[in-house]
Amino acid sequence: MRLIPSKMVIKIHLGERFQAFAYTIDNIFMVF
């Protein structure tokens, strides 16, 4: 079995970041 490439890990990490960011923006817009 091959290990997950570091690029893949970075992509997953950025994906989680983006999800949290989008979730925060959704909450901000809910206030308005």
N, C-alpha and C. Protein backbone atom coordinates (compact mmCIF):
# COMPACT_ATOMS: atom_id res chain seq x y z
N MET A 1 0.85 -1.21 0.00
CA MET A 1 0.00 0.00 0.00
C MET A 1 0.88 1.26 0.00
N ARG A 2 0.44 2.22 -0.76
CA ARG A 2 1.21 3.47 -0.85
C ARG A 2 0.71 4.46 0.19
N LEU A 3 1.63 5.29 0.65
CA LEU A 3 1.23 6.35 1.57
C LEU A 3 0.56 7.47 0.79
N ILE A 4 -0.26 8.23 1.46
CA ILE A 4 -0.94 9.35 0.79
C ILE A 4 0.10 10.43 0.47
N PRO A 5 0.15 10.88 -0.77
CA PRO A 5 1.11 11.95 -1.13
C PRO A 5 0.85 13.21 -0.32
N SER A 6 1.93 13.95 -0.06
CA SER A 6 1.80 15.17 0.75
C SER A 6 0.87 16.17 0.08
N LYS A 7 0.88 16.20 -1.25
CA LYS A 7 -0.01 17.13 -1.96
C LYS A 7 -1.46 16.82 -1.64
N MET A 8 -1.78 15.54 -1.54
CA MET A 8 -3.14 15.13 -1.24
C MET A 8 -3.52 15.62 0.16
N VAL A 9 -2.60 15.48 1.09
CA VAL A 9 -2.87 15.92 2.47
C VAL A 9 -3.12 17.42 2.50
N ILE A 10 -2.31 18.17 1.75
CA ILE A 10 -2.48 19.62 1.70
C ILE A 10 -3.84 19.97 1.11
N LYS A 11 -4.22 19.24 0.07
CA LYS A 11 -5.53 19.49 -0.57
C LYS A 11 -6.66 19.25 0.42
N ILE A 12 -6.56 18.15 1.17
CA ILE A 12 -7.61 17.84 2.15
C ILE A 12 -7.64 18.93 3.22
N HIS A 13 -6.46 19.35 3.66
CA HIS A 13 -6.37 20.38 4.71
C HIS A 13 -7.00 21.68 4.21
N LEU A 14 -6.68 22.06 2.99
CA LEU A 14 -7.25 23.29 2.42
C LEU A 14 -8.76 23.15 2.27
N GLY A 15 -9.21 21.95 1.92
CA GLY A 15 -10.65 21.72 1.77
C GLY A 15 -11.37 21.94 3.09
N GLU A 16 -10.77 21.43 4.17
CA GLU A 16 -11.40 21.62 5.48
C GLU A 16 -11.41 23.10 5.84
N ARG A 17 -10.31 23.79 5.55
CA ARG A 17 -10.21 25.23 5.82
C ARG A 17 -11.33 25.96 5.08
N PHE A 18 -11.49 25.62 3.79
CA PHE A 18 -12.48 26.30 2.96
C PHE A 18 -13.88 26.05 3.48
N GLN A 19 -14.13 24.80 3.92
CA GLN A 19 -15.47 24.47 4.45
C GLN A 19 -15.76 25.31 5.68
N ALA A 20 -14.79 25.42 6.58
CA ALA A 20 -14.98 26.21 7.79
C ALA A 20 -15.20 27.68 7.42
N PHE A 21 -14.44 28.16 6.42
CA PHE A 21 -14.58 29.55 5.97
C PHE A 21 -15.97 29.80 5.39
N ALA A 22 -16.44 28.88 4.54
CA ALA A 22 -17.76 29.03 3.93
C ALA A 22 -18.84 28.97 5.01
N TYR A 23 -18.64 28.10 6.00
CA TYR A 23 -19.62 27.97 7.08
C TYR A 23 -19.70 29.29 7.86
N THR A 24 -18.53 29.90 8.11
CA THR A 24 -18.50 31.18 8.83
C THR A 24 -19.23 32.26 8.03
N ILE A 25 -18.98 32.30 6.73
CA ILE A 25 -19.64 33.30 5.86
C ILE A 25 -21.16 33.08 5.89
N ASP A 26 -21.57 31.82 5.86
CA ASP A 26 -23.02 31.51 5.92
C ASP A 26 -23.60 32.09 7.20
N ASN A 27 -22.89 31.91 8.31
CA ASN A 27 -23.39 32.41 9.59
C ASN A 27 -23.45 33.93 9.59
N ILE A 28 -22.46 34.56 8.98
CA ILE A 28 -22.46 36.03 8.93
C ILE A 28 -23.66 36.53 8.13
N PHE A 29 -23.93 35.87 7.01
CA PHE A 29 -25.06 36.31 6.18
C PHE A 29 -26.40 36.04 6.86
N MET A 30 -26.44 35.02 7.72
CA MET A 30 -27.69 34.73 8.43
C MET A 30 -28.03 35.88 9.37
N VAL A 31 -26.99 36.58 9.85
CA VAL A 31 -27.22 37.69 10.78
C VAL A 31 -27.93 38.84 10.06
N PHE A 32 -27.55 39.08 8.80
CA PHE A 32 -28.09 40.24 8.08
C PHE A 32 -29.52 40.00 7.65
